[in-house]
Amino acid sequence: MEIQACINGSRLRDAHPRLPRSAAELGWDARDCAAAGATSVHVHPREPRRESMGASAVARAVNAIRDAAPGLPVGVTTGAWLVENPRDRVRLIESWDVLPDFASVNWHEEGAADVSAALLDRGIGLEVGLWTLSAARTWVSSEIESECLRVLVELPSRATVALADEILDIVGDEYPLLVHGEEESCWPALQYALAHGHGIRIGLEDTLELPDGSPAPDNPGLIRAALALR
């Protein structure tokens, strides 16, 4: 079963005392998450003060994780909030000289098909993020739907697991599935995923709390709490 650690996201440093930010911190945290049971890691590379898809930021993050946790698959974000123009996102992907193992593309975002094609052209695994029913319908009718590494079913913070059922009714079970939520929907989404045999994603990007509502100690602690739900 896939257990992906999402260790930083867009959160600011003061969101949690154990939130990794620098490339070195990402590497150390990924190593500890792998020891706790994570099978892959998803990160948001950063320049000193902001998230970035730039070649140097991606290279620093990916190299640091591979140095600290050899063999752990590393994925990065391509979120449209980083670079609004999809053509610019494509050009950044084409500039990468250190390639992650996979990258996530939110299929509801403008230019998702072009960004996905750019990743596939570079030999980077495509992780398709589906947040809405319309995105799921668009994805299954796309020309590259058969080329994805996995489908990431994402529940917004106030969504219920009924949305996951509806998305999966559209997508089917042809692809490896990974289900996760954020904030209020995080733990219900993981319980749903585990009950249905799907992969899961967990980390400080998605929640700062344990299932009982107490503060999460760190990313490895969240991994262990998720595994305890099985």
Protein backbone atom coordinates (compact mmCIF):
# COMPACT_ATOMS: atom_id res chain seq x y z
CA MET A 1 0.00 0.00 0.00
CA GLU A 2 1.23 3.47 -0.88
CA ILE A 3 1.82 5.68 2.17
CA GLN A 4 2.89 9.07 0.91
CA ALA A 5 4.32 11.67 3.27
CA CYS A 6 3.41 15.29 2.40
CA ILE A 7 5.85 17.02 4.66
CA ASN A 8 5.62 20.78 4.12
CA GLY A 9 3.11 22.09 1.55
CA SER A 10 2.44 25.82 1.48
CA ARG A 11 2.51 26.28 5.25
CA LEU A 12 4.61 29.03 6.77
CA ARG A 13 7.41 28.27 9.20
CA ASP A 14 5.41 29.34 12.25
CA ALA A 15 2.61 26.86 11.48
CA HIS A 16 4.41 24.09 13.36
CA PRO A 17 7.77 23.89 15.16
CA ARG A 18 8.78 20.73 13.25
CA LEU A 19 7.77 21.91 9.78
CA PRO A 20 10.71 21.33 7.39
CA ARG A 21 11.58 24.21 5.09
CA SER A 22 15.19 24.12 3.88
CA ALA A 23 16.43 21.41 1.54
CA ALA A 24 18.45 19.83 4.34
CA GLU A 25 15.42 19.76 6.61
CA LEU A 26 13.34 18.17 3.87
CA GLY A 27 15.95 15.46 3.53
CA TRP A 28 16.14 14.70 7.24
CA ASP A 29 12.37 14.68 7.57
CA ALA A 30 11.89 12.43 4.54
CA ARG A 31 14.43 9.99 6.02
CA ASP A 32 12.51 9.89 9.31
CA CYS A 33 9.18 9.48 7.51
CA ALA A 34 10.56 6.53 5.55
CA ALA A 35 11.70 4.96 8.81
CA ALA A 36 8.16 5.44 10.14
CA GLY A 37 6.66 3.63 7.14
CA ALA A 38 6.29 6.13 4.29
CA THR A 39 6.79 4.67 0.80
CA SER A 40 7.13 8.02 -1.02
CA VAL A 41 7.38 11.71 -0.22
CA HIS A 42 5.70 14.78 -1.74
CA VAL A 43 7.36 18.15 -1.20
CA HIS A 44 7.04 21.81 -2.13
CA PRO A 45 10.57 23.02 -2.97
CA ARG A 46 11.48 26.51 -1.87
CA GLU A 47 13.69 29.40 -2.65
CA PRO A 48 14.69 31.15 0.59
CA ARG A 49 11.33 32.89 1.09
CA ARG A 50 8.78 31.20 -1.16
CA GLU A 51 7.69 28.00 -2.87
CA SER A 52 9.24 27.49 -6.27
CA MET A 53 9.22 25.31 -9.36
CA GLY A 54 12.59 26.73 -10.36
CA ALA A 55 15.32 24.32 -11.40
CA SER A 56 17.64 25.20 -8.51
CA ALA A 57 14.93 24.82 -5.86
CA VAL A 58 13.77 21.47 -7.28
CA ALA A 59 17.35 20.21 -7.54
CA ARG A 60 18.20 21.15 -3.95
CA ALA A 61 15.10 19.51 -2.53
CA VAL A 62 15.31 16.32 -4.61
CA ASN A 63 19.06 15.87 -4.06
CA ALA A 64 18.76 16.44 -0.32
CA ILE A 65 16.04 13.82 -0.01
CA ARG A 66 17.87 11.30 -2.16
CA ASP A 67 21.04 11.82 -0.13
CA ALA A 68 19.23 11.36 3.19
CA ALA A 69 16.78 8.63 2.11
CA PRO A 70 18.22 6.68 -0.84
CA GLY A 71 15.58 4.85 -2.85
CA LEU A 72 12.61 6.82 -1.49
CA PRO A 73 10.56 8.11 -4.46
CA VAL A 74 10.37 11.92 -4.43
CA GLY A 75 7.54 13.98 -5.88
CA VAL A 76 7.04 17.73 -6.22
CA THR A 77 4.09 20.04 -6.76
CA THR A 78 3.23 21.91 -9.95
CA GLY A 79 0.41 23.92 -8.37
CA ALA A 80 -0.86 26.87 -10.39
CA TRP A 81 -0.49 29.18 -7.38
CA LEU A 82 3.29 28.97 -7.91
CA VAL A 83 3.22 30.17 -11.52
CA GLU A 84 -0.11 31.33 -12.92
CA ASN A 85 0.65 30.97 -16.63
CA PRO A 86 0.69 27.26 -17.60
CA ARG A 87 3.16 27.95 -20.42
CA ASP A 88 5.61 29.24 -17.83
CA ARG A 89 5.09 26.12 -15.73
CA VAL A 90 5.88 24.00 -18.78
CA ARG A 91 9.07 26.01 -19.43
CA LEU A 92 10.15 25.52 -15.83
CA ILE A 93 9.64 21.76 -16.08
CA GLU A 94 11.71 21.76 -19.27
CA SER A 95 14.49 23.58 -17.38
CA TRP A 96 14.83 21.01 -14.60
CA ASP A 97 18.24 19.34 -14.63
CA VAL A 98 17.52 17.14 -11.59
CA LEU A 99 14.28 15.24 -12.15
CA PRO A 100 11.93 14.12 -9.39
CA ASP A 101 10.46 10.64 -9.62
CA PHE A 102 6.96 12.07 -10.00
CA ALA A 103 5.03 15.32 -9.83
CA SER A 104 1.42 16.10 -9.03
CA VAL A 105 -0.88 18.04 -11.35
CA ASN A 106 -4.24 19.37 -10.16
CA TRP A 107 -6.52 18.55 -13.04
CA HIS A 108 -8.96 21.41 -12.36
CA GLU A 109 -6.21 23.99 -12.99
CA GLU A 110 -5.79 25.78 -16.29
CA GLY A 111 -3.25 24.09 -18.53
CA ALA A 112 -3.23 20.80 -16.61
CA ALA A 113 -3.01 18.73 -19.79
CA ASP A 114 -0.01 20.70 -21.07
CA VAL A 115 1.77 20.53 -17.71
CA SER A 116 1.11 16.78 -17.55
CA ALA A 117 2.45 16.27 -21.07
CA ALA A 118 5.61 18.21 -20.19
CA LEU A 119 6.22 15.91 -17.22
CA LEU A 120 5.68 12.78 -19.29
CA ASP A 121 8.00 14.11 -22.00
CA ARG A 122 10.74 14.39 -19.35
CA GLY A 123 10.09 10.85 -18.10
CA ILE A 124 8.64 12.07 -14.81
CA GLY A 125 5.79 10.08 -13.26
CA LEU A 126 2.42 11.82 -13.40
CA GLU A 127 0.28 11.97 -10.28
CA VAL A 128 -3.14 13.34 -11.18
CA GLY A 129 -4.92 15.33 -8.46
CA LEU A 130 -8.73 15.20 -8.64
CA TRP A 131 -10.60 17.57 -6.31
CA THR A 132 -13.92 17.85 -8.14
CA LEU A 133 -16.36 15.79 -10.18
CA SER A 134 -15.82 17.97 -13.23
CA ALA A 135 -12.05 17.43 -12.99
CA ALA A 136 -12.60 13.67 -12.77
CA ARG A 137 -14.83 13.70 -15.86
CA THR A 138 -12.32 15.79 -17.79
CA TRP A 139 -9.46 13.51 -16.78
CA VAL A 140 -11.07 10.24 -17.85
CA SER A 141 -11.78 11.71 -21.29
CA SER A 142 -8.28 13.13 -21.75
CA GLU A 143 -5.78 11.81 -24.28
CA ILE A 144 -3.17 10.98 -21.63
CA GLU A 145 -5.38 9.42 -18.98
CA SER A 146 -3.74 6.03 -19.52
CA GLU A 147 -0.25 7.36 -18.76
CA CYS A 148 -0.57 8.36 -15.12
CA LEU A 149 1.43 6.87 -12.26
CA ARG A 150 -1.49 7.17 -9.86
CA VAL A 151 -4.71 9.07 -9.25
CA LEU A 152 -4.76 11.28 -6.18
CA VAL A 153 -8.31 11.77 -4.88
CA GLU A 154 -8.23 14.93 -2.77
CA LEU A 155 -11.01 15.97 -0.39
CA PRO A 156 -11.17 19.71 0.38
CA SER A 157 -11.27 20.60 4.07
CA ARG A 158 -15.06 20.54 4.52
CA ALA A 159 -15.84 17.75 2.06
CA THR A 160 -17.17 14.37 3.15
CA VAL A 161 -16.12 10.94 1.95
CA ALA A 162 -19.23 10.93 -0.26
CA LEU A 163 -17.21 13.06 -2.67
CA ALA A 164 -14.54 10.33 -2.82
CA ASP A 165 -17.23 7.79 -3.70
CA GLU A 166 -18.52 10.04 -6.48
CA ILE A 167 -15.05 10.68 -7.91
CA LEU A 168 -14.16 7.00 -7.81
CA ASP A 169 -17.43 6.11 -9.54
CA ILE A 170 -16.18 8.23 -12.45
CA VAL A 171 -12.52 7.16 -12.40
CA GLY A 172 -12.99 3.47 -11.64
CA ASP A 173 -10.25 1.27 -10.26
CA GLU A 174 -8.00 0.96 -13.30
CA TYR A 175 -5.23 3.07 -11.75
CA PRO A 176 -3.43 3.00 -8.42
CA LEU A 177 -5.46 5.24 -6.11
CA LEU A 178 -4.33 7.41 -3.24
CA VAL A 179 -6.93 9.20 -1.11
CA HIS A 180 -6.34 12.08 1.28
CA GLY A 181 -8.04 15.09 2.81
CA GLU A 182 -6.99 18.32 4.42
CA GLU A 183 -7.74 19.78 7.85
CA GLU A 184 -11.25 18.59 8.87
CA SER A 185 -11.48 16.00 6.10
CA CYS A 186 -8.01 14.52 6.65
CA TRP A 187 -8.62 11.68 9.08
CA PRO A 188 -12.07 10.66 7.70
CA ALA A 189 -10.46 10.46 4.24
CA LEU A 190 -7.70 8.18 5.53
CA GLN A 191 -10.14 5.93 7.34
CA TYR A 192 -12.17 5.68 4.12
CA ALA A 193 -9.07 4.90 2.07
CA LEU A 194 -7.85 2.20 4.42
CA ALA A 195 -11.30 0.61 4.60
CA HIS A 196 -11.37 0.38 0.80
CA GLY A 197 -7.76 -0.73 0.30
CA HIS A 198 -6.51 2.51 -1.27
CA GLY A 199 -3.22 4.26 -0.69
CA ILE A 200 -3.03 7.24 1.65
CA ARG A 201 -1.21 10.55 2.01
CA ILE A 202 -0.50 12.22 5.34
CA GLY A 203 1.78 14.92 6.72
CA LEU A 204 1.92 18.47 8.01
CA GLU A 205 0.82 19.76 4.62
CA ASP A 206 -2.60 18.17 5.19
CA THR A 207 -3.10 18.44 8.95
CA LEU A 208 -1.48 19.70 12.13
CA GLU A 209 -3.53 17.37 14.34
CA LEU A 210 -3.66 13.72 15.33
CA PRO A 211 -6.96 11.81 15.01
CA ASP A 212 -7.98 12.76 18.57
CA GLY A 213 -7.52 16.47 17.83
CA SER A 214 -4.29 16.85 19.78
CA PRO A 215 -1.31 18.58 18.13
CA ALA A 216 0.74 16.39 15.80
CA PRO A 217 4.32 16.00 17.04
CA ASP A 218 5.88 15.93 13.56
CA ASN A 219 5.57 14.24 10.17
CA PRO A 220 6.81 10.80 11.29
CA GLY A 221 4.29 10.96 14.14
CA LEU A 222 1.51 11.51 11.62
CA ILE A 223 2.71 8.55 9.56
CA ARG A 224 2.64 6.32 12.62
CA ALA A 225 -0.84 7.57 13.60
CA ALA A 226 -2.15 6.83 10.12
CA LEU A 227 -0.72 3.32 10.16
CA ALA A 228 -2.34 2.72 13.54
CA LEU A 229 -5.77 3.18 11.90
CA ARG A 230 -5.38 -0.09 9.99
